[in-house]
Amino acid sequence: MGGELRPELQSTIFTDNYPHNTEFHQDFDLCVNVTHATYMLNGYLFIEDGTGPTEDEIQRAKIASAAMGYSFQVTQVQVAENPASKISVTVTVTVTQTGVAPFYYPLALTLDCTGITIPRQLPGVETIVVEGDSREFSFDDVPASAECLGRVNIGLSSAHVYPGRRVEFAQVGGDENGDGVFVTLPLPPTLAPSVASSAVPSSSTASPTVLTKSVCLKRNKVWYKGEKKVNNNDRKACYNDCPMIPKKDKRVCRKNCRSDWKNEKIINNHQNRANRKECKKLE
C-alpha cells in the first residue's frame, strides 16, 4: 500500500538538485509506477519553522501525491428502454481505473435522481484494479422521467470511509459540495409495437460541467470546513481513548493526539491555500 520515504531523501527528493537514478536515489515517479503505492510519508514537508520546504517543493510533492493511489472516472453513461415497462429504464455506467493502485476495501457505485427514494448501489468498483481497466454497472428500474434523467447523480460509497468524508471521482462534474458526477440523459423514445421485444439503447457520454471560480471557491470552502470538523472530532475521539491507557502513558497519549491533530491541520491548510490559488485562475 505504501510506506515512508528514506529520511535522508525527504528534504531533497522534490528539489532540482536531487540526483535521479543514482545509487540510493531512485526516481520517485518510476518507483510509484513499479510499486503501485497508495501513499508515501514525508515528515519534512510539514516543517514550518523556516527550515522546511519551499513553496515549489510543496507543489511538486502535491503533484507526486496525486499520482499515487486509486483514481476512478465515469467514462460513459448509457440509457436503454425497458421493453417490459414504459415508466422505467436501465442506466449503464462505465467506470475506468486511471490510477496506479487499487481501492483496498469494498466500494460501491451509487445512482440517485428525482423519483428514487433511496440511492441505488451496485458493489464491485474495488475490483477494477489495473490502470486502464473498465467495468460496466447496470441500474435497472430507473424512473423514465425528465426530472430523473435530466439530472442523474453518480457517486461512490464505502462503509470503510470516516464519517463526513467521501470517495470522489477524479473528474469535475459534481455539485458545489463535490458530490458525485452529474449527467443529463435523453428521454427514451416511445416504443413502437414492432420493437417491443428488444431494448433500444441510446447513450450520453458523461461530460463534466464547466467549473467557475465562484463554484470552485464555494466547493473548497465546504471541503475545508468539513476537514476541520473531522480533524477536531478525531482529536476528541483520540483524547477519549487515552483514559484506557495506563496512567504513566496517558500524558504521552494526549501529546500524540495533539501532534496528529496539528499535522492534519497543517496538511489541510496547505491544501486549502493551493485549492484557492487554483480556483482564482478560473473565469
Protein backbone atom coordinates (compact mmCIF):
# COMPACT_ATOMS: atom_id res chain seq x y z
CA MET A 1 0.00 0.00 0.00
CA GLY A 2 2.72 2.49 0.91
CA GLY A 3 5.45 3.43 3.36
CA GLU A 4 7.89 6.22 4.14
CA LEU A 5 10.49 7.96 2.03
CA ARG A 6 14.01 7.36 3.29
CA PRO A 7 14.63 10.13 5.88
CA GLU A 8 17.86 11.26 4.21
CA LEU A 9 16.00 11.81 0.91
CA GLN A 10 12.94 13.65 2.24
CA SER A 11 14.47 17.13 2.06
CA THR A 12 15.89 16.78 -1.46
CA ILE A 13 13.64 14.49 -3.48
CA PHE A 14 11.42 17.34 -4.72
CA THR A 15 14.26 19.77 -5.48
CA ASP A 16 16.18 20.48 -8.70
CA ASN A 17 19.34 19.13 -7.05
CA TYR A 18 18.00 15.63 -6.45
CA PRO A 19 20.36 13.19 -8.27
CA HIS A 20 17.78 11.00 -10.02
CA ASN A 21 18.66 7.38 -10.78
CA THR A 22 21.98 7.38 -8.95
CA GLU A 23 22.83 4.99 -6.13
CA PHE A 24 20.18 5.19 -3.38
CA HIS A 25 18.41 7.99 -5.29
CA GLN A 26 15.70 6.31 -7.36
CA ASP A 27 13.23 8.29 -9.44
CA PHE A 28 10.04 8.89 -7.42
CA ASP A 29 7.56 8.56 -10.30
CA LEU A 30 9.20 5.38 -11.54
CA CYS A 31 9.02 3.84 -8.07
CA VAL A 32 5.33 4.71 -7.78
CA ASN A 33 4.55 3.07 -11.12
CA VAL A 34 6.53 -0.06 -10.21
CA THR A 35 5.27 -0.48 -6.63
CA HIS A 36 1.72 0.84 -7.20
CA ALA A 37 1.99 2.86 -3.99
CA THR A 38 -1.04 4.48 -2.39
CA TYR A 39 0.90 6.80 -0.10
CA MET A 40 4.45 7.72 0.97
CA LEU A 41 5.16 9.59 4.21
CA ASN A 42 7.43 12.63 4.17
CA GLY A 43 7.61 14.47 7.51
CA TYR A 44 9.98 17.11 6.16
CA LEU A 45 7.18 18.68 4.12
CA PHE A 46 5.37 19.75 7.31
CA ILE A 47 8.19 21.70 8.94
CA GLU A 48 7.09 25.33 9.31
CA ASP A 49 9.95 26.93 11.26
CA GLY A 50 11.71 28.28 8.18
CA THR A 51 13.94 25.25 7.68
CA GLY A 52 11.30 23.26 5.84
CA PRO A 53 10.29 23.02 2.20
CA THR A 54 9.87 25.84 -0.29
CA GLU A 55 6.52 26.51 -1.96
CA ASP A 56 7.90 24.94 -5.14
CA GLU A 57 8.79 21.74 -3.28
CA ILE A 58 5.31 21.60 -1.76
CA GLN A 59 3.68 21.96 -5.16
CA ARG A 60 5.89 19.21 -6.62
CA ALA A 61 5.03 16.98 -3.67
CA LYS A 62 1.31 17.55 -4.26
CA ILE A 63 1.67 16.56 -7.90
CA ALA A 64 3.58 13.44 -6.82
CA SER A 65 0.92 12.66 -4.23
CA ALA A 66 -1.86 12.97 -6.80
CA ALA A 67 -0.08 10.40 -8.98
CA MET A 68 -0.36 7.74 -6.28
CA GLY A 69 -3.28 5.56 -5.30
CA TYR A 70 -6.57 4.79 -7.00
CA SER A 71 -8.30 7.13 -9.46
CA PHE A 72 -11.74 6.33 -10.86
CA GLN A 73 -13.57 8.13 -13.65
CA VAL A 74 -17.05 7.81 -15.15
CA THR A 75 -16.21 7.42 -18.84
CA GLN A 76 -19.63 6.62 -20.32
CA VAL A 77 -23.30 6.52 -19.32
CA GLN A 78 -25.96 4.79 -21.41
CA VAL A 79 -29.73 4.64 -21.03
CA ALA A 80 -31.77 1.77 -22.52
CA GLU A 81 -35.53 1.41 -22.77
CA ASN A 82 -37.16 -1.31 -20.71
CA PRO A 83 -39.40 -3.38 -23.04
CA ALA A 84 -41.43 -4.58 -20.05
CA SER A 85 -42.15 -1.11 -18.69
CA LYS A 86 -42.77 2.35 -20.15
CA ILE A 87 -42.09 4.07 -16.82
CA SER A 88 -38.55 2.85 -16.20
CA VAL A 89 -35.21 2.47 -17.99
CA THR A 90 -31.86 0.78 -17.45
CA VAL A 91 -28.88 3.08 -16.92
CA THR A 92 -25.44 1.54 -17.55
CA VAL A 93 -22.40 3.34 -16.17
CA THR A 94 -18.83 2.61 -17.27
CA VAL A 95 -16.19 3.23 -14.60
CA THR A 96 -12.49 3.29 -15.54
CA GLN A 97 -9.46 2.99 -13.26
CA THR A 98 -6.95 5.70 -14.16
CA GLY A 99 -4.77 5.35 -11.06
CA VAL A 100 -1.80 3.12 -10.22
CA ALA A 101 -3.20 1.34 -7.14
CA PRO A 102 -6.43 -0.43 -6.17
CA PHE A 103 -9.02 0.68 -3.64
CA TYR A 104 -8.41 -1.81 -0.85
CA TYR A 105 -11.91 -2.01 0.66
CA PRO A 106 -15.40 -2.74 -0.71
CA LEU A 107 -16.52 0.20 -2.87
CA ALA A 108 -19.96 0.61 -4.42
CA LEU A 109 -21.23 2.71 -7.32
CA THR A 110 -24.33 4.75 -6.49
CA LEU A 111 -27.03 6.31 -8.64
CA ASP A 112 -29.56 8.88 -7.48
CA CYS A 113 -32.12 11.18 -9.11
CA THR A 114 -35.55 12.70 -8.53
CA GLY A 115 -38.04 9.87 -8.07
CA ILE A 116 -35.64 7.50 -6.31
CA THR A 117 -36.32 7.31 -2.56
CA ILE A 118 -33.04 5.61 -1.60
CA PRO A 119 -29.94 5.92 -3.83
CA ARG A 120 -29.25 2.69 -5.72
CA GLN A 121 -25.97 0.89 -5.05
CA LEU A 122 -24.04 -1.73 -7.01
CA PRO A 123 -20.93 -3.33 -5.44
CA GLY A 124 -17.62 -4.13 -7.10
CA VAL A 125 -15.83 -0.89 -8.01
CA GLU A 126 -12.83 -2.09 -5.99
CA THR A 127 -12.43 -4.99 -8.45
CA ILE A 128 -11.26 -2.52 -11.13
CA VAL A 129 -7.58 -2.79 -10.25
CA VAL A 130 -5.29 -2.35 -13.26
CA GLU A 131 -4.80 1.11 -14.75
CA GLY A 132 -6.92 1.44 -17.90
CA ASP A 133 -9.38 -1.32 -16.95
CA SER A 134 -13.11 -0.58 -17.04
CA ARG A 135 -16.31 -2.19 -15.80
CA GLU A 136 -19.97 -1.60 -16.59
CA PHE A 137 -22.63 -1.30 -13.88
CA SER A 138 -26.30 -1.52 -14.90
CA PHE A 139 -29.03 0.05 -12.75
CA ASP A 140 -32.48 -1.32 -13.56
CA ASP A 141 -35.86 0.30 -12.96
CA VAL A 142 -34.64 3.90 -13.06
CA PRO A 143 -37.62 6.30 -13.48
CA ALA A 144 -38.11 7.21 -17.14
CA SER A 145 -38.88 10.86 -16.45
CA ALA A 146 -37.35 14.18 -17.43
CA GLU A 147 -36.98 15.06 -13.73
CA CYS A 148 -34.82 11.98 -13.10
CA LEU A 149 -32.86 11.63 -16.33
CA GLY A 150 -32.30 15.38 -16.56
CA ARG A 151 -30.02 15.25 -13.52
CA VAL A 152 -28.55 11.84 -12.64
CA ASN A 153 -26.04 11.80 -9.78
CA ILE A 154 -23.42 9.03 -9.95
CA GLY A 155 -21.24 8.56 -6.88
CA LEU A 156 -19.01 6.23 -4.87
CA SER A 157 -19.73 4.80 -1.42
CA SER A 158 -17.77 2.74 1.10
CA ALA A 159 -18.62 1.71 4.65
CA HIS A 160 -14.91 2.00 5.48
CA VAL A 161 -14.71 5.77 4.99
CA TYR A 162 -14.65 8.04 8.06
CA PRO A 163 -17.92 9.91 8.73
CA GLY A 164 -18.04 13.21 6.87
CA ARG A 165 -15.54 12.12 4.24
CA ARG A 166 -16.15 10.95 0.68
CA VAL A 167 -14.61 8.82 -2.02
CA GLU A 168 -14.62 11.07 -5.07
CA PHE A 169 -14.21 10.57 -8.80
CA ALA A 170 -11.07 12.00 -10.41
CA GLN A 171 -13.06 14.44 -12.56
CA VAL A 172 -15.06 17.64 -12.31
CA GLY A 173 -18.78 17.31 -12.80
CA GLY A 174 -20.47 17.25 -9.39
CA ASP A 175 -22.20 19.96 -7.38
CA GLU A 176 -20.63 22.68 -5.25
CA ASN A 177 -20.12 20.17 -2.42
CA GLY A 178 -18.01 17.90 -4.60
CA ASP A 179 -20.63 15.15 -4.52
CA GLY A 180 -20.53 12.66 -7.39
CA VAL A 181 -20.74 13.27 -11.11
CA PHE A 182 -23.91 14.68 -12.67
CA VAL A 183 -25.01 13.76 -16.19
CA THR A 184 -28.05 14.56 -18.31
CA LEU A 185 -29.51 11.62 -20.19
CA PRO A 186 -32.01 11.67 -23.09
CA LEU A 187 -35.63 10.63 -22.54
CA PRO A 188 -36.24 7.29 -24.28
CA PRO A 189 -38.40 7.39 -27.42
CA THR A 190 -41.84 5.82 -27.24
CA LEU A 191 -41.58 2.09 -28.03
CA ALA A 192 -43.29 1.02 -31.21
CA PRO A 193 -45.14 -2.36 -31.10
CA SER A 194 -42.76 -3.83 -33.68
CA VAL A 195 -39.70 -3.34 -31.44
CA ALA A 196 -41.33 -4.02 -28.09
CA SER A 197 -39.36 -7.24 -27.68
CA SER A 198 -35.94 -5.58 -27.56
CA ALA A 199 -34.28 -2.71 -25.74
CA VAL A 200 -33.23 0.22 -27.90
CA PRO A 201 -30.15 1.83 -26.32
CA SER A 202 -29.27 5.45 -26.57
CA SER A 203 -26.20 6.86 -24.88
CA SER A 204 -24.73 10.01 -23.46
CA THR A 205 -21.09 10.27 -22.52
CA ALA A 206 -20.57 11.75 -19.05
CA SER A 207 -19.35 15.28 -19.70
CA PRO A 208 -18.18 17.34 -16.73
CA THR A 209 -19.86 20.69 -16.19
CA VAL A 210 -17.84 23.90 -16.53
CA LEU A 211 -16.26 24.83 -13.20
CA THR A 212 -16.37 28.56 -12.46
CA LYS A 213 -14.24 30.46 -9.95
CA SER A 214 -17.17 31.10 -7.60
CA VAL A 215 -18.31 27.46 -7.61
CA CYS A 216 -14.73 26.28 -7.15
CA LEU A 217 -14.18 28.59 -4.15
CA LYS A 218 -17.52 27.61 -2.63
CA ARG A 219 -16.74 23.91 -3.08
CA ASN A 220 -13.34 24.37 -1.47
CA LYS A 221 -14.87 26.28 1.45
CA VAL A 222 -17.28 23.43 2.13
CA TRP A 223 -14.45 20.90 1.86
CA TYR A 224 -12.16 22.89 4.19
CA LYS A 225 -14.88 23.34 6.80
CA GLY A 226 -15.65 19.62 6.69
CA GLU A 227 -11.99 18.65 7.03
CA LYS A 228 -11.57 20.89 10.09
CA LYS A 229 -14.64 19.36 11.71
CA VAL A 230 -13.47 15.81 11.03
CA ASN A 231 -9.97 16.60 12.35
CA ASN A 232 -11.38 18.11 15.56
CA ASN A 233 -13.67 15.11 16.06
CA ASP A 234 -10.75 12.74 15.54
CA ARG A 235 -8.76 14.59 18.22
CA LYS A 236 -11.65 14.34 20.68
CA ALA A 237 -12.02 10.63 19.97
CA CYS A 238 -8.28 10.18 20.48
CA TYR A 239 -8.44 12.02 23.83
CA ASN A 240 -11.36 9.85 24.90
CA ASP A 241 -9.29 6.73 24.30
CA CYS A 242 -6.39 7.96 26.46
CA PRO A 243 -8.06 7.14 29.86
CA MET A 244 -7.97 3.47 28.82
CA ILE A 245 -4.17 3.62 28.79
CA PRO A 246 -2.05 3.12 31.98
CA LYS A 247 -1.68 6.38 33.91
CA LYS A 248 2.03 6.85 33.22
CA ASP A 249 1.38 6.74 29.46
CA LYS A 250 -1.73 8.95 29.47
CA ARG A 251 0.21 12.19 29.07
CA VAL A 252 2.14 10.77 26.11
CA CYS A 253 -1.13 9.62 24.57
CA ARG A 254 -2.69 13.09 24.74
CA LYS A 255 0.50 14.63 23.38
CA ASN A 256 0.39 12.25 20.41
CA CYS A 257 -3.28 13.10 19.84
CA ARG A 258 -2.45 16.79 19.64
CA SER A 259 0.54 16.12 17.39
CA ASP A 260 -1.61 14.12 14.95
CA TRP A 261 -4.26 16.87 15.01
CA LYS A 262 -1.66 19.56 14.33
CA ASN A 263 -0.11 17.63 11.43
CA GLU A 264 -3.52 17.09 9.83
CA LYS A 265 -4.29 20.78 10.31
CA ILE A 266 -1.08 21.75 8.53
CA ILE A 267 -1.91 19.43 5.63
CA ASN A 268 -5.42 20.87 5.31
CA ASN A 269 -4.15 24.46 5.48
CA HIS A 270 -1.61 23.79 2.72
CA GLN A 271 -4.26 22.14 0.57
CA ASN A 272 -6.76 24.94 1.21
CA ARG A 273 -4.28 27.58 0.07
CA ALA A 274 -3.36 25.56 -3.01
CA ASN A 275 -7.04 24.97 -3.88
CA ARG A 276 -7.90 28.66 -3.55
CA LYS A 277 -4.94 29.58 -5.73
CA GLU A 278 -6.13 27.21 -8.46
CA CYS A 279 -9.74 28.41 -8.16
CA LYS A 280 -8.71 32.03 -8.68
CA LYS A 281 -7.22 31.07 -12.05
CA LEU A 282 -10.71 30.22 -13.33
CA GLU A 283 -13.07 32.66 -15.04
